[in-house]
Amino acid sequence: MTRLSIRQTTPEDYGSVTRILQHAYTNLLVSAYEPDLLSAALQSMARANPALLASGAYFIAEWEGRTPVACGGWSRQRPGTNSVEDGVGHLRHFATHGDWAGHGIGGEVYAECEAQAAAAGVGVFECYATLNAERFYQSVGFETVGPFTVRLGKSVDFPCVKMRREIP
């Protein structure tokens, strides 16, 4: 019996997902971003997105069915817009709690997303990776497209890496 379970989120997971995002982003992004930029960005980034939680395409990984350790999902809508491109999905709000990083849990959450998206007719995933997450996405088959800037809120330009993967 596995001690890790992955399930779709519900709106009731808001607190658990927010805690994962806050811990992961606060601790793991510090090596890649200047403190002032990170502090401003975390105000937008480190909160669960209620629409994603209720979408049926967002997942939480729990250790022994009770300890939330990672989260992530996908959507057809490009982040920050309502635009949809046929056959393209977008990874959203991936994070692993810092105490659990490096154990393959993020890859398992990704596999859930890929299987669900492929079954829904998605043939390509795109994502805007944080600077230090590029290696993770490469490890699950993504290719780097190039630098990209995400606008957070009204005034924070957050450097990222645009990545793409064809789903087999």
C-alpha atoms as a PDB file:
ATOM      1  CA  MET A   1       0.000   0.000   0.000  1.00  0.00           C
ATOM      2  CA  THR A   2       1.386   3.386  -1.015  1.00  0.00           C
ATOM      3  CA  ARG A   3       1.681   6.083   1.587  1.00  0.00           C
ATOM      4  CA  LEU A   4       1.215   8.874  -0.972  1.00  0.00           C
ATOM      5  CA  SER A   5      -2.194   9.615  -2.448  1.00  0.00           C
ATOM      6  CA  ILE A   6      -3.128  12.139  -5.102  1.00  0.00           C
ATOM      7  CA  ARG A   7      -6.675  13.412  -5.483  1.00  0.00           C
ATOM      8  CA  GLN A   8      -8.606  16.206  -7.141  1.00  0.00           C
ATOM      9  CA  THR A   9      -9.048  19.259  -4.983  1.00  0.00           C
ATOM     10  CA  THR A  10     -12.263  20.854  -3.801  1.00  0.00           C
ATOM     11  CA  PRO A  11     -12.812  24.421  -2.589  1.00  0.00           C
ATOM     12  CA  GLU A  12     -12.341  23.098   0.961  1.00  0.00           C
ATOM     13  CA  ASP A  13      -8.647  22.506   0.152  1.00  0.00           C
ATOM     14  CA  TYR A  14      -7.974  26.258  -0.026  1.00  0.00           C
ATOM     15  CA  GLY A  15      -6.065  26.369   3.286  1.00  0.00           C
ATOM     16  CA  SER A  16      -3.963  23.280   2.606  1.00  0.00           C
ATOM     17  CA  VAL A  17      -3.012  24.371  -0.904  1.00  0.00           C
ATOM     18  CA  THR A  18      -2.216  27.909   0.250  1.00  0.00           C
ATOM     19  CA  ARG A  19       0.092  26.513   2.964  1.00  0.00           C
ATOM     20  CA  ILE A  20       1.941  24.380   0.384  1.00  0.00           C
ATOM     21  CA  LEU A  21       2.315  27.355  -1.967  1.00  0.00           C
ATOM     22  CA  GLN A  22       3.467  29.699   0.787  1.00  0.00           C
ATOM     23  CA  HIS A  23       6.065  27.293   2.139  1.00  0.00           C
ATOM     24  CA  ALA A  24       7.336  26.190  -1.266  1.00  0.00           C
ATOM     25  CA  TYR A  25       7.500  29.601  -2.884  1.00  0.00           C
ATOM     26  CA  THR A  26       8.877  31.382   0.179  1.00  0.00           C
ATOM     27  CA  ASN A  27      11.646  28.841   0.765  1.00  0.00           C
ATOM     28  CA  LEU A  28      12.467  27.455  -2.671  1.00  0.00           C
ATOM     29  CA  LEU A  29      12.370  30.655  -4.749  1.00  0.00           C
ATOM     30  CA  VAL A  30      14.688  32.641  -2.495  1.00  0.00           C
ATOM     31  CA  SER A  31      17.753  31.392  -4.379  1.00  0.00           C
ATOM     32  CA  ALA A  32      16.437  32.559  -7.769  1.00  0.00           C
ATOM     33  CA  TYR A  33      14.871  35.978  -7.127  1.00  0.00           C
ATOM     34  CA  GLU A  34      15.834  39.221  -5.414  1.00  0.00           C
ATOM     35  CA  PRO A  35      14.154  39.606  -1.990  1.00  0.00           C
ATOM     36  CA  ASP A  36      12.107  42.717  -2.886  1.00  0.00           C
ATOM     37  CA  LEU A  37      10.784  41.165  -6.107  1.00  0.00           C
ATOM     38  CA  LEU A  38       9.965  37.887  -4.378  1.00  0.00           C
ATOM     39  CA  SER A  39       8.185  39.639  -1.519  1.00  0.00           C
ATOM     40  CA  ALA A  40       5.998  41.594  -3.947  1.00  0.00           C
ATOM     41  CA  ALA A  41       5.315  38.530  -6.121  1.00  0.00           C
ATOM     42  CA  LEU A  42       4.352  36.286  -3.216  1.00  0.00           C
ATOM     43  CA  GLN A  43       1.372  38.501  -2.477  1.00  0.00           C
ATOM     44  CA  SER A  44      -0.190  37.235  -5.729  1.00  0.00           C
ATOM     45  CA  MET A  45       1.435  33.817  -6.134  1.00  0.00           C
ATOM     46  CA  ALA A  46       1.222  32.237  -2.703  1.00  0.00           C
ATOM     47  CA  ARG A  47      -2.558  31.816  -2.490  1.00  0.00           C
ATOM     48  CA  ALA A  48      -4.702  29.033  -3.833  1.00  0.00           C
ATOM     49  CA  ASN A  49      -6.857  29.933  -6.824  1.00  0.00           C
ATOM     50  CA  PRO A  50     -10.480  29.028  -5.953  1.00  0.00           C
ATOM     51  CA  ALA A  51     -11.412  28.494  -9.615  1.00  0.00           C
ATOM     52  CA  LEU A  52      -8.567  25.995 -10.053  1.00  0.00           C
ATOM     53  CA  LEU A  53      -9.505  24.181  -6.844  1.00  0.00           C
ATOM     54  CA  ALA A  54     -13.040  23.669  -8.136  1.00  0.00           C
ATOM     55  CA  SER A  55     -12.060  22.874 -11.743  1.00  0.00           C
ATOM     56  CA  GLY A  56     -11.589  19.114 -11.419  1.00  0.00           C
ATOM     57  CA  ALA A  57      -8.145  19.582 -13.006  1.00  0.00           C
ATOM     58  CA  TYR A  58      -6.188  20.553  -9.896  1.00  0.00           C
ATOM     59  CA  PHE A  59      -4.621  17.989  -7.582  1.00  0.00           C
ATOM     60  CA  ILE A  60      -3.203  17.692  -4.096  1.00  0.00           C
ATOM     61  CA  ALA A  61      -0.747  15.022  -2.961  1.00  0.00           C
ATOM     62  CA  GLU A  62      -1.118  13.860   0.632  1.00  0.00           C
ATOM     63  CA  TRP A  63       1.199  11.724   2.690  1.00  0.00           C
ATOM     64  CA  GLU A  64      -0.664   8.983   4.536  1.00  0.00           C
ATOM     65  CA  GLY A  65      -3.948  10.580   3.487  1.00  0.00           C
ATOM     66  CA  ARG A  66      -3.624  13.572   5.754  1.00  0.00           C
ATOM     67  CA  THR A  67      -0.412  15.586   5.304  1.00  0.00           C
ATOM     68  CA  PRO A  68      -0.588  17.867   2.228  1.00  0.00           C
ATOM     69  CA  VAL A  69       2.814  17.818   0.495  1.00  0.00           C
ATOM     70  CA  ALA A  70       2.367  18.984  -3.123  1.00  0.00           C
ATOM     71  CA  CYS A  71      -0.155  20.452  -5.529  1.00  0.00           C
ATOM     72  CA  GLY A  72      -0.582  21.349  -9.160  1.00  0.00           C
ATOM     73  CA  GLY A  73      -3.000  21.302 -12.029  1.00  0.00           C
ATOM     74  CA  TRP A  74      -3.804  22.466 -15.509  1.00  0.00           C
ATOM     75  CA  SER A  75      -6.333  24.461 -17.442  1.00  0.00           C
ATOM     76  CA  ARG A  76      -7.268  25.084 -21.035  1.00  0.00           C
ATOM     77  CA  GLN A  77      -7.167  28.833 -20.369  1.00  0.00           C
ATOM     78  CA  ARG A  78      -3.809  30.540 -20.741  1.00  0.00           C
ATOM     79  CA  PRO A  79      -2.828  31.981 -17.319  1.00  0.00           C
ATOM     80  CA  GLY A  80      -3.757  35.622 -16.975  1.00  0.00           C
ATOM     81  CA  THR A  81      -6.209  35.486 -19.875  1.00  0.00           C
ATOM     82  CA  ASN A  82      -9.317  33.656 -20.918  1.00  0.00           C
ATOM     83  CA  SER A  83      -7.786  32.648 -24.239  1.00  0.00           C
ATOM     84  CA  VAL A  84      -8.014  28.995 -25.252  1.00  0.00           C
ATOM     85  CA  GLU A  85      -6.073  27.323 -28.049  1.00  0.00           C
ATOM     86  CA  ASP A  86      -7.453  24.015 -29.294  1.00  0.00           C
ATOM     87  CA  GLY A  87      -5.386  21.076 -28.039  1.00  0.00           C
ATOM     88  CA  VAL A  88      -3.199  23.150 -25.690  1.00  0.00           C
ATOM     89  CA  GLY A  89      -3.261  22.949 -21.902  1.00  0.00           C
ATOM     90  CA  HIS A  90      -1.411  25.058 -19.345  1.00  0.00           C
ATOM     91  CA  LEU A  91       0.166  23.805 -16.141  1.00  0.00           C
ATOM     92  CA  ARG A  92      -0.882  25.884 -13.178  1.00  0.00           C
ATOM     93  CA  HIS A  93       0.314  26.596  -9.658  1.00  0.00           C
ATOM     94  CA  PHE A  94       2.657  23.627  -9.164  1.00  0.00           C
ATOM     95  CA  ALA A  95       4.478  23.405  -5.840  1.00  0.00           C
ATOM     96  CA  THR A  96       5.981  20.892  -3.474  1.00  0.00           C
ATOM     97  CA  HIS A  97       6.328  21.747   0.198  1.00  0.00           C
ATOM     98  CA  GLY A  98      10.029  22.389   0.776  1.00  0.00           C
ATOM     99  CA  ASP A  99      10.346  19.557   3.293  1.00  0.00           C
ATOM    100  CA  TRP A 100       9.191  17.127   0.573  1.00  0.00           C
ATOM    101  CA  ALA A 101      10.991  18.551  -2.466  1.00  0.00           C
ATOM    102  CA  GLY A 102      13.261  16.236  -4.414  1.00  0.00           C
ATOM    103  CA  HIS A 103      11.353  13.007  -3.703  1.00  0.00           C
ATOM    104  CA  GLY A 104       9.528  12.691  -7.039  1.00  0.00           C
ATOM    105  CA  ILE A 105       6.172  13.835  -5.713  1.00  0.00           C
ATOM    106  CA  GLY A 106       5.922  16.739  -8.167  1.00  0.00           C
ATOM    107  CA  GLY A 107       6.470  14.266 -10.993  1.00  0.00           C
ATOM    108  CA  GLU A 108       3.601  12.140  -9.729  1.00  0.00           C
ATOM    109  CA  VAL A 109       1.283  15.159  -9.605  1.00  0.00           C
ATOM    110  CA  TYR A 110       2.406  16.030 -13.129  1.00  0.00           C
ATOM    111  CA  ALA A 111       1.605  12.479 -14.311  1.00  0.00           C
ATOM    112  CA  GLU A 112      -1.976  12.858 -13.010  1.00  0.00           C
ATOM    113  CA  CYS A 113      -2.326  16.123 -14.936  1.00  0.00           C
ATOM    114  CA  GLU A 114      -0.906  14.658 -18.124  1.00  0.00           C
ATOM    115  CA  ALA A 115      -3.158  11.593 -18.028  1.00  0.00           C
ATOM    116  CA  GLN A 116      -6.270  13.687 -17.432  1.00  0.00           C
ATOM    117  CA  ALA A 117      -5.364  16.242 -20.099  1.00  0.00           C
ATOM    118  CA  ALA A 118      -4.521  13.588 -22.696  1.00  0.00           C
ATOM    119  CA  ALA A 119      -7.887  11.922 -22.074  1.00  0.00           C
ATOM    120  CA  ALA A 120      -9.521  15.328 -22.645  1.00  0.00           C
ATOM    121  CA  GLY A 121      -7.816  15.756 -26.025  1.00  0.00           C
ATOM    122  CA  VAL A 122      -4.921  17.985 -24.996  1.00  0.00           C
ATOM    123  CA  GLY A 123      -1.815  17.265 -27.077  1.00  0.00           C
ATOM    124  CA  VAL A 124       0.530  19.991 -25.809  1.00  0.00           C
ATOM    125  CA  PHE A 125       1.272  21.436 -22.387  1.00  0.00           C
ATOM    126  CA  GLU A 126       2.766  24.869 -21.830  1.00  0.00           C
ATOM    127  CA  CYS A 127       3.904  26.401 -18.574  1.00  0.00           C
ATOM    128  CA  TYR A 128       5.576  29.480 -17.176  1.00  0.00           C
ATOM    129  CA  ALA A 129       8.215  27.996 -14.882  1.00  0.00           C
ATOM    130  CA  THR A 130       9.920  29.905 -12.124  1.00  0.00           C
ATOM    131  CA  LEU A 131      13.631  30.317 -12.779  1.00  0.00           C
ATOM    132  CA  ASN A 132      14.583  27.505 -10.435  1.00  0.00           C
ATOM    133  CA  ALA A 133      11.822  25.120 -11.630  1.00  0.00           C
ATOM    134  CA  GLU A 134      13.143  24.824 -15.181  1.00  0.00           C
ATOM    135  CA  ARG A 135      15.121  21.680 -14.271  1.00  0.00           C
ATOM    136  CA  PHE A 136      12.038  20.006 -12.799  1.00  0.00           C
ATOM    137  CA  TYR A 137       9.998  20.613 -15.939  1.00  0.00           C
ATOM    138  CA  GLN A 138      12.851  19.392 -18.129  1.00  0.00           C
ATOM    139  CA  SER A 139      12.937  16.203 -16.027  1.00  0.00           C
ATOM    140  CA  VAL A 140       9.318  15.457 -17.011  1.00  0.00           C
ATOM    141  CA  GLY A 141       9.928  16.121 -20.697  1.00  0.00           C
ATOM    142  CA  PHE A 142       9.424  19.854 -21.200  1.00  0.00           C
ATOM    143  CA  GLU A 143      11.620  21.872 -23.526  1.00  0.00           C
ATOM    144  CA  THR A 144      12.622  25.439 -22.808  1.00  0.00           C
ATOM    145  CA  VAL A 145      11.069  27.945 -25.213  1.00  0.00           C
ATOM    146  CA  GLY A 146      12.732  30.993 -23.689  1.00  0.00           C
ATOM    147  CA  PRO A 147      12.528  33.767 -21.095  1.00  0.00           C
ATOM    148  CA  PHE A 148       9.089  35.116 -20.306  1.00  0.00           C
ATOM    149  CA  THR A 149       7.739  37.771 -17.961  1.00  0.00           C
ATOM    150  CA  VAL A 150       4.485  37.308 -16.068  1.00  0.00           C
ATOM    151  CA  ARG A 151       2.632  40.376 -14.822  1.00  0.00           C
ATOM    152  CA  LEU A 152       1.428  39.812 -11.261  1.00  0.00           C
ATOM    153  CA  GLY A 153      -1.116  42.265  -9.973  1.00  0.00           C
ATOM    154  CA  LYS A 154      -0.805  45.742 -11.425  1.00  0.00           C
ATOM    155  CA  SER A 155       2.910  46.326 -11.135  1.00  0.00           C
ATOM    156  CA  VAL A 156       5.049  43.220 -10.567  1.00  0.00           C
ATOM    157  CA  ASP A 157       6.909  41.868 -13.590  1.00  0.00           C
ATOM    158  CA  PHE A 158       8.063  38.392 -12.601  1.00  0.00           C
ATOM    159  CA  PRO A 159      10.769  36.669 -14.703  1.00  0.00           C
ATOM    160  CA  CYS A 160       9.934  33.108 -15.736  1.00  0.00           C
ATOM    161  CA  VAL A 161      10.811  30.551 -18.378  1.00  0.00           C
ATOM    162  CA  LYS A 162       8.218  29.540 -20.962  1.00  0.00           C
ATOM    163  CA  MET A 163       8.278  25.777 -21.486  1.00  0.00           C
ATOM    164  CA  ARG A 164       6.428  23.349 -23.749  1.00  0.00           C
ATOM    165  CA  ARG A 165       5.871  19.592 -23.946  1.00  0.00           C
ATOM    166  CA  GLU A 166       4.040  17.466 -26.464  1.00  0.00           C
ATOM    167  CA  ILE A 167       1.920  14.899 -24.652  1.00  0.00           C
ATOM    168  CA  PRO A 168       2.532  11.423 -26.069  1.00  0.00           C
END
